[in-house]
N, C-alpha and C. Protein backbone atom coordinates (compact mmCIF):
# COMPACT_ATOMS: atom_id res chain seq x y z
N UNK A 1 7.41 -14.08 15.36
CA UNK A 1 7.83 -12.82 14.78
C UNK A 1 7.15 -11.64 15.47
N UNK A 2 5.89 -11.79 15.85
CA UNK A 2 5.16 -10.70 16.51
C UNK A 2 5.85 -10.27 17.79
N UNK A 3 6.37 -11.23 18.57
CA UNK A 3 7.06 -10.88 19.82
C UNK A 3 8.28 -10.02 19.57
N UNK A 4 8.98 -10.25 18.45
CA UNK A 4 10.15 -9.45 18.10
C UNK A 4 9.72 -8.01 17.82
N UNK A 5 8.65 -7.85 17.03
CA UNK A 5 8.16 -6.51 16.71
C UNK A 5 7.71 -5.79 17.97
N UNK A 6 6.95 -6.46 18.81
CA UNK A 6 6.45 -5.85 20.05
C UNK A 6 7.63 -5.50 20.96
N UNK A 7 8.60 -6.39 21.10
CA UNK A 7 9.77 -6.10 21.92
C UNK A 7 10.54 -4.90 21.39
N UNK A 8 10.73 -4.86 20.08
CA UNK A 8 11.38 -3.74 19.42
C UNK A 8 10.63 -2.45 19.73
N UNK A 9 9.31 -2.50 19.58
CA UNK A 9 8.49 -1.31 19.78
C UNK A 9 8.51 -0.86 21.24
N UNK A 10 8.43 -1.79 22.19
CA UNK A 10 8.42 -1.43 23.60
C UNK A 10 9.70 -0.69 23.99
N UNK A 11 10.83 -1.12 23.46
CA UNK A 11 12.09 -0.43 23.74
C UNK A 11 12.07 0.98 23.17
N UNK A 12 11.61 1.12 21.95
CA UNK A 12 11.63 2.41 21.28
C UNK A 12 10.59 3.38 21.83
N UNK A 13 9.46 2.86 22.25
CA UNK A 13 8.43 3.78 22.74
C UNK A 13 8.87 4.49 24.02
N UNK A 14 9.66 3.83 24.86
CA UNK A 14 10.17 4.48 26.06
C UNK A 14 11.11 5.64 25.69
N UNK A 15 11.93 5.42 24.67
CA UNK A 15 12.83 6.48 24.21
C UNK A 15 12.02 7.62 23.58
N UNK A 16 10.98 7.29 22.82
CA UNK A 16 10.14 8.31 22.22
C UNK A 16 9.43 9.16 23.27
N UNK A 17 8.97 8.52 24.35
CA UNK A 17 8.30 9.27 25.43
C UNK A 17 9.27 10.24 26.09
N UNK A 18 10.55 9.86 26.20
CA UNK A 18 11.55 10.76 26.77
C UNK A 18 11.83 11.91 25.82
N UNK A 19 11.91 11.61 24.54
CA UNK A 19 12.23 12.62 23.53
C UNK A 19 11.07 13.59 23.29
N UNK A 20 9.85 13.07 23.39
CA UNK A 20 8.64 13.86 23.16
C UNK A 20 7.70 13.71 24.35
N UNK A 21 7.89 14.51 25.39
CA UNK A 21 7.10 14.35 26.63
C UNK A 21 5.59 14.53 26.45
N UNK A 22 5.15 15.09 25.36
CA UNK A 22 3.72 15.31 25.15
C UNK A 22 2.96 14.08 24.70
N UNK A 23 3.65 12.96 24.49
CA UNK A 23 2.95 11.75 24.06
C UNK A 23 2.84 10.77 25.21
N UNK A 24 1.81 9.96 25.16
CA UNK A 24 1.52 9.04 26.26
C UNK A 24 1.63 7.58 25.80
N UNK A 25 1.49 6.67 26.75
CA UNK A 25 1.45 5.24 26.42
C UNK A 25 0.31 4.93 25.46
N UNK A 26 -0.83 5.57 25.66
CA UNK A 26 -1.97 5.34 24.76
C UNK A 26 -1.65 5.76 23.33
N UNK A 27 -0.91 6.87 23.19
CA UNK A 27 -0.52 7.34 21.86
C UNK A 27 0.40 6.34 21.17
N UNK A 28 1.16 5.59 21.95
CA UNK A 28 2.16 4.68 21.41
C UNK A 28 1.74 3.22 21.46
N UNK A 29 0.46 2.97 21.70
CA UNK A 29 -0.05 1.60 21.77
C UNK A 29 0.03 0.95 20.40
N UNK A 30 0.79 -0.14 20.29
CA UNK A 30 0.97 -0.85 19.02
C UNK A 30 -0.08 -1.94 18.90
N UNK A 31 -0.88 -1.85 17.85
CA UNK A 31 -1.89 -2.88 17.56
C UNK A 31 -1.68 -3.37 16.14
N UNK A 32 -1.66 -4.68 15.97
CA UNK A 32 -1.50 -5.25 14.62
C UNK A 32 -2.53 -4.65 13.67
N UNK A 33 -2.06 -4.25 12.50
CA UNK A 33 -2.94 -3.71 11.48
C UNK A 33 -3.32 -2.26 11.69
N UNK A 34 -2.86 -1.63 12.76
CA UNK A 34 -3.25 -0.25 13.07
C UNK A 34 -2.04 0.70 13.09
N UNK A 35 -0.93 0.25 12.50
CA UNK A 35 0.29 1.07 12.52
C UNK A 35 0.06 2.42 11.83
N UNK A 36 -0.59 2.41 10.68
CA UNK A 36 -0.81 3.65 9.93
C UNK A 36 -1.62 4.65 10.76
N UNK A 37 -2.68 4.19 11.40
CA UNK A 37 -3.50 5.08 12.22
C UNK A 37 -2.69 5.66 13.38
N UNK A 38 -1.85 4.82 14.01
CA UNK A 38 -1.02 5.29 15.11
C UNK A 38 -0.04 6.35 14.62
N UNK A 39 0.58 6.11 13.47
CA UNK A 39 1.55 7.06 12.93
C UNK A 39 0.87 8.37 12.54
N UNK A 40 -0.32 8.30 11.98
CA UNK A 40 -1.05 9.51 11.61
C UNK A 40 -1.38 10.34 12.84
N UNK A 41 -1.85 9.67 13.91
CA UNK A 41 -2.19 10.38 15.14
C UNK A 41 -0.95 11.02 15.76
N UNK A 42 0.16 10.25 15.81
CA UNK A 42 1.40 10.80 16.36
C UNK A 42 1.90 11.98 15.53
N UNK A 43 1.80 11.84 14.22
CA UNK A 43 2.21 12.93 13.33
C UNK A 43 1.41 14.19 13.61
N UNK A 44 0.11 14.04 13.78
CA UNK A 44 -0.75 15.19 14.10
C UNK A 44 -0.34 15.81 15.43
N UNK A 45 -0.15 14.97 16.43
CA UNK A 45 0.18 15.45 17.78
C UNK A 45 1.54 16.14 17.84
N UNK A 46 2.50 15.62 17.06
CA UNK A 46 3.87 16.15 17.11
C UNK A 46 4.19 17.12 15.99
N UNK A 47 3.27 17.29 15.04
CA UNK A 47 3.52 18.18 13.92
C UNK A 47 4.58 17.62 12.98
N UNK A 48 4.59 16.29 12.80
CA UNK A 48 5.57 15.62 11.94
C UNK A 48 4.83 14.82 10.87
N UNK A 49 5.49 14.65 9.73
CA UNK A 49 4.91 13.79 8.69
C UNK A 49 5.16 12.33 9.05
N UNK A 50 4.45 11.45 8.38
CA UNK A 50 4.64 10.02 8.63
C UNK A 50 6.08 9.61 8.30
N UNK A 51 6.62 10.18 7.22
CA UNK A 51 8.01 9.87 6.86
C UNK A 51 8.99 10.35 7.92
N UNK A 52 8.75 11.54 8.47
CA UNK A 52 9.61 12.06 9.54
C UNK A 52 9.56 11.14 10.77
N UNK A 53 8.35 10.70 11.13
CA UNK A 53 8.21 9.81 12.28
C UNK A 53 8.90 8.47 12.06
N UNK A 54 8.76 7.91 10.87
CA UNK A 54 9.43 6.64 10.57
C UNK A 54 10.95 6.79 10.69
N UNK A 55 11.46 7.91 10.22
CA UNK A 55 12.91 8.15 10.32
C UNK A 55 13.33 8.26 11.79
N UNK A 56 12.55 8.98 12.58
CA UNK A 56 12.87 9.13 14.01
C UNK A 56 12.89 7.76 14.69
N UNK A 57 11.87 6.93 14.44
CA UNK A 57 11.79 5.61 15.06
C UNK A 57 12.94 4.72 14.57
N UNK A 58 13.21 4.75 13.28
CA UNK A 58 14.26 3.90 12.73
C UNK A 58 15.65 4.32 13.18
N UNK A 59 15.82 5.61 13.51
CA UNK A 59 17.13 6.10 13.95
C UNK A 59 17.42 5.81 15.42
N UNK A 60 16.42 5.39 16.18
CA UNK A 60 16.62 5.06 17.59
C UNK A 60 17.44 3.78 17.68
N UNK A 61 18.50 3.84 18.42
CA UNK A 61 19.38 2.66 18.57
C UNK A 61 19.17 2.05 19.92
């Protein structure tokens, strides 16, 4: 199951980097158990709430 999540994330992080050029690979590093911290940092960097970020990620096709 972890490979599916990581594969899903790797596809979406490339799209996120294109959509938001101010974020880096380090900002989008997915670590098990650290999703909340990553989302909080991204929210701070992009001026978005955690809910807004989740919607953006979930809307990526």
